C-alpha atoms as a PDB file:
ATOM      1  CA  UNK A   1      93.746  29.396  76.264  1.00  0.00           C
ATOM      2  CA  UNK A   2      94.468  32.831  75.021  1.00  0.00           C
ATOM      3  CA  UNK A   3      91.318  34.117  76.152  1.00  0.00           C
ATOM      4  CA  UNK A   4      92.351  33.099  79.550  1.00  0.00           C
ATOM      5  CA  UNK A   5      95.248  34.911  79.243  1.00  0.00           C
ATOM      6  CA  UNK A   6      93.624  38.335  78.316  1.00  0.00           C
ATOM      7  CA  UNK A   7      91.580  37.462  80.609  1.00  0.00           C
ATOM      8  CA  UNK A   8      94.032  37.248  83.209  1.00  0.00           C
ATOM      9  CA  UNK A   9      96.074  40.480  82.281  1.00  0.00           C
ATOM     10  CA  UNK A  10      92.998  42.990  82.266  1.00  0.00           C
ATOM     11  CA  UNK A  11      92.339  41.317  85.676  1.00  0.00           C
ATOM     12  CA  UNK A  12      95.715  42.882  86.667  1.00  0.00           C
ATOM     13  CA  UNK A  13      95.261  46.032  85.060  1.00  0.00           C
ATOM     14  CA  UNK A  14      92.060  46.677  86.384  1.00  0.00           C
ATOM     15  CA  UNK A  15      93.610  45.671  89.873  1.00  0.00           C
ATOM     16  CA  UNK A  16      96.440  48.050  89.589  1.00  0.00           C
ATOM     17  CA  UNK A  17      94.071  50.796  88.667  1.00  0.00           C
ATOM     18  CA  UNK A  18      91.439  50.209  91.194  1.00  0.00           C
ATOM     19  CA  UNK A  19      94.583  50.845  93.428  1.00  0.00           C
ATOM     20  CA  UNK A  20      96.453  53.419  91.735  1.00  0.00           C
ATOM     21  CA  UNK A  21      93.055  56.244  91.433  1.00  0.00           C
ATOM     22  CA  UNK A  22      92.433  56.528  95.043  1.00  0.00           C
ATOM     23  CA  UNK A  23      96.316  57.102  95.419  1.00  0.00           C
ATOM     24  CA  UNK A  24      96.191  59.439  92.584  1.00  0.00           C
ATOM     25  CA  UNK A  25      93.103  61.457  94.050  1.00  0.00           C
ATOM     26  CA  UNK A  26      94.803  61.918  97.666  1.00  0.00           C
ATOM     27  CA  UNK A  27      97.852  63.047  96.219  1.00  0.00           C
ATOM     28  CA  UNK A  28      96.025  65.664  94.283  1.00  0.00           C
ATOM     29  CA  UNK A  29      93.954  66.515  97.052  1.00  0.00           C
ATOM     30  CA  UNK A  30      97.317  66.761  98.961  1.00  0.00           C
ATOM     31  CA  UNK A  31      98.756  69.018  96.208  1.00  0.00           C
ATOM     32  CA  UNK A  32      96.004  71.277  96.111  1.00  0.00           C
ATOM     33  CA  UNK A  33      96.197  71.760 100.146  1.00  0.00           C
ATOM     34  CA  UNK A  34      99.433  72.822 100.249  1.00  0.00           C
ATOM     35  CA  UNK A  35      99.367  75.133  97.242  1.00  0.00           C
ATOM     36  CA  UNK A  36      96.580  76.800  99.040  1.00  0.00           C
ATOM     37  CA  UNK A  37      98.056  77.215 102.382  1.00  0.00           C
ATOM     38  CA  UNK A  38     101.522  78.630 100.269  1.00  0.00           C
ATOM     39  CA  UNK A  39      99.122  81.043  98.530  1.00  0.00           C
ATOM     40  CA  UNK A  40      97.782  82.563 102.289  1.00  0.00           C
ATOM     41  CA  UNK A  41     101.301  82.598 103.731  1.00  0.00           C
ATOM     42  CA  UNK A  42     102.393  84.414 100.757  1.00  0.00           C
ATOM     43  CA  UNK A  43      99.098  87.084 100.935  1.00  0.00           C
ATOM     44  CA  UNK A  44      99.692  87.018 105.100  1.00  0.00           C
ATOM     45  CA  UNK A  45     103.501  87.841 104.783  1.00  0.00           C
ATOM     46  CA  UNK A  46     103.136  90.417 102.385  1.00  0.00           C
ATOM     47  CA  UNK A  47     100.646  92.098 104.464  1.00  0.00           C
ATOM     48  CA  UNK A  48     102.781  91.967 107.573  1.00  0.00           C
ATOM     49  CA  UNK A  49     105.682  93.176 105.777  1.00  0.00           C
ATOM     50  CA  UNK A  50     103.662  96.264 104.702  1.00  0.00           C
ATOM     51  CA  UNK A  51     102.577  97.087 108.407  1.00  0.00           C
ATOM     52  CA  UNK A  52     105.615  96.227 109.622  1.00  0.00           C
ATOM     53  CA  UNK A  53     107.761  98.431 107.677  1.00  0.00           C
ATOM     54  CA  UNK A  54     105.114 101.393 107.918  1.00  0.00           C
ATOM     55  CA  UNK A  55     104.868 100.965 111.799  1.00  0.00           C
ATOM     56  CA  UNK A  56     108.889 101.279 111.613  1.00  0.00           C
ATOM     57  CA  UNK A  57     109.123 104.484 109.424  1.00  0.00           C
ATOM     58  CA  UNK A  58     106.072 105.619 111.424  1.00  0.00           C
ATOM     59  CA  UNK A  59     108.428 105.301 114.485  1.00  0.00           C
ATOM     60  CA  UNK A  60     111.232 107.341 112.820  1.00  0.00           C
ATOM     61  CA  UNK A  61     109.143 109.924 111.432  1.00  0.00           C
ATOM     62  CA  UNK A  62     109.746 111.994 108.260  1.00  0.00           C
ATOM     63  CA  UNK A  63     111.691 112.050 106.034  1.00  0.00           C
ATOM     64  CA  UNK A  64     112.196 108.102 107.387  1.00  0.00           C
ATOM     65  CA  UNK A  65     111.236 105.305 103.920  1.00  0.00           C
ATOM     66  CA  UNK A  66     112.148 101.789 103.713  1.00  0.00           C
ATOM     67  CA  UNK A  67     111.919  99.355 100.621  1.00  0.00           C
ATOM     68  CA  UNK A  68     110.535  95.861 101.338  1.00  0.00           C
ATOM     69  CA  UNK A  69     110.048  93.146  99.231  1.00  0.00           C
ATOM     70  CA  UNK A  70     106.357  91.627  99.283  1.00  0.00           C
ATOM     71  CA  UNK A  71     105.571  88.554  97.059  1.00  0.00           C
ATOM     72  CA  UNK A  72     101.809  88.470  95.787  1.00  0.00           C
ATOM     73  CA  UNK A  73     100.166  85.467  95.084  1.00  0.00           C
ATOM     74  CA  UNK A  74      97.967  84.017  92.553  1.00  0.00           C
ATOM     75  CA  UNK A  75      94.244  84.793  93.002  1.00  0.00           C
ATOM     76  CA  UNK A  76      94.165  88.197  94.272  1.00  0.00           C
ATOM     77  CA  UNK A  77      90.756  89.639  93.847  1.00  0.00           C
ATOM     78  CA  UNK A  78      91.467  92.946  95.207  1.00  0.00           C
ATOM     79  CA  UNK A  79      94.116  94.804  97.810  1.00  0.00           C
ATOM     80  CA  UNK A  80      94.641  98.246  98.917  1.00  0.00           C
ATOM     81  CA  UNK A  81      95.348  99.928 101.717  1.00  0.00           C
ATOM     82  CA  UNK A  82      92.818 101.461 103.797  1.00  0.00           C
ATOM     83  CA  UNK A  83      92.967 103.258 107.253  1.00  0.00           C
ATOM     84  CA  UNK A  84      95.517 102.057 109.064  1.00  0.00           C
ATOM     85  CA  UNK A  85      95.115  98.312 107.619  1.00  0.00           C
ATOM     86  CA  UNK A  86      96.370  96.567 104.403  1.00  0.00           C
ATOM     87  CA  UNK A  87      94.715  94.083 102.653  1.00  0.00           C
ATOM     88  CA  UNK A  88      94.266  91.255 100.192  1.00  0.00           C
ATOM     89  CA  UNK A  89      91.055  89.376  99.369  1.00  0.00           C
ATOM     90  CA  UNK A  90      91.791  86.255  97.625  1.00  0.00           C
ATOM     91  CA  UNK A  91      90.178  83.490  95.527  1.00  0.00           C
ATOM     92  CA  UNK A  92      91.461  80.022  96.737  1.00  0.00           C
ATOM     93  CA  UNK A  93      90.223  76.631  96.312  1.00  0.00           C
ATOM     94  CA  UNK A  94      87.902  76.747  99.416  1.00  0.00           C
ATOM     95  CA  UNK A  95      86.000  79.909  98.343  1.00  0.00           C
ATOM     96  CA  UNK A  96      87.067  84.070  98.948  1.00  0.00           C
ATOM     97  CA  UNK A  97      89.557  84.597 101.729  1.00  0.00           C
ATOM     98  CA  UNK A  98      90.427  88.283 103.561  1.00  0.00           C
ATOM     99  CA  UNK A  99      93.885  88.452 104.990  1.00  0.00           C
ATOM    100  CA  UNK A 100      94.546  91.413 106.698  1.00  0.00           C
ATOM    101  CA  UNK A 101      96.915  93.699 108.611  1.00  0.00           C
ATOM    102  CA  UNK A 102      97.035  96.315 110.776  1.00  0.00           C
ATOM    103  CA  UNK A 103      99.335  99.335 111.182  1.00  0.00           C
ATOM    104  CA  UNK A 104      99.709 102.095 114.211  1.00  0.00           C
ATOM    105  CA  UNK A 105      99.832 104.400 111.080  1.00  0.00           C
ATOM    106  CA  UNK A 106      97.716 105.532 108.577  1.00  0.00           C
ATOM    107  CA  UNK A 107      98.150 103.826 105.108  1.00  0.00           C
ATOM    108  CA  UNK A 108      97.828 105.477 101.668  1.00  0.00           C
ATOM    109  CA  UNK A 109      98.582 103.812  98.405  1.00  0.00           C
ATOM    110  CA  UNK A 110      98.304 100.721  96.386  1.00  0.00           C
ATOM    111  CA  UNK A 111      99.655  97.042  96.610  1.00  0.00           C
ATOM    112  CA  UNK A 112      99.589  95.457  93.496  1.00  0.00           C
ATOM    113  CA  UNK A 113      97.282  92.578  92.714  1.00  0.00           C
ATOM    114  CA  UNK A 114      99.061  90.882  89.820  1.00  0.00           C
ATOM    115  CA  UNK A 115     101.211  87.752  90.960  1.00  0.00           C
ATOM    116  CA  UNK A 116     104.877  88.893  91.109  1.00  0.00           C
ATOM    117  CA  UNK A 117     107.768  89.676  93.702  1.00  0.00           C
ATOM    118  CA  UNK A 118     107.435  93.279  93.720  1.00  0.00           C
ATOM    119  CA  UNK A 119     109.969  95.946  95.858  1.00  0.00           C
ATOM    120  CA  UNK A 120     107.293  98.310  97.559  1.00  0.00           C
ATOM    121  CA  UNK A 121     108.826 102.167  99.419  1.00  0.00           C
ATOM    122  CA  UNK A 122     107.456 102.707 102.218  1.00  0.00           C
ATOM    123  CA  UNK A 123     108.190 106.738 103.116  1.00  0.00           C
ATOM    124  CA  UNK A 124     106.457 108.761 106.016  1.00  0.00           C
ATOM    125  CA  UNK A 125     104.613 112.112 104.508  1.00  0.00           C
ATOM    126  CA  UNK A 126     104.529 115.023 106.573  1.00  0.00           C
ATOM    127  CA  UNK A 127     101.062 116.421 106.232  1.00  0.00           C
ATOM    128  CA  UNK A 128      98.223 117.515 108.363  1.00  0.00           C
ATOM    129  CA  UNK A 129      97.876 113.930 109.729  1.00  0.00           C
ATOM    130  CA  UNK A 130     100.987 112.475 108.861  1.00  0.00           C
ATOM    131  CA  UNK A 131     100.310 109.615 106.896  1.00  0.00           C
ATOM    132  CA  UNK A 132     102.870 106.525 105.290  1.00  0.00           C
ATOM    133  CA  UNK A 133     102.385 106.536 101.891  1.00  0.00           C
ATOM    134  CA  UNK A 134     103.269 102.822 100.003  1.00  0.00           C
ATOM    135  CA  UNK A 135     103.777 102.854  96.228  1.00  0.00           C
ATOM    136  CA  UNK A 136     106.059 100.271  94.253  1.00  0.00           C
ATOM    137  CA  UNK A 137     109.728 101.294  94.130  1.00  0.00           C
ATOM    138  CA  UNK A 138     111.182 102.327  90.979  1.00  0.00           C
END
C-alpha cells in the first residue's frame, strides 16, 4: 500500500514537471528575445540621438553645441563615427548586428563602448571642412 502511494506521488511530480518544463523553456525564450530587442532599440536610439543632434548643430554652424544623453547597451563590440555615419557593432543573441545612422554633417569623435548612460557634447568645429565633433561631456 505504501509503495502505491509513493508511486502515485512520483507520477504526479512527473506530470507536473512535464507541464512546467516546456512552459519554463518558452518563458526563457520570450525573455531572451525581449532583452535582445531592447538592446537593439537602445543602440538605434543612441546613434539616432547623435546624428539628429549633429544635424541640428550643423544647421546652426559654429560655435553651436548641444549635449545629448545616450544609453549604450551591453554587448557593443565597436562604436565609431566615420564621415557622416554613427555606427555600433553589437553582439547579441542572434549574432552580430550593425546599427547605424546617417548625418548631413561630417562627424568626428568617439562613442563609448562600455554599457551605461553617457552625456555627449556635440559641437560645430570651424575648420577647413566644417566638422561636427562628438565627445563625452565632462
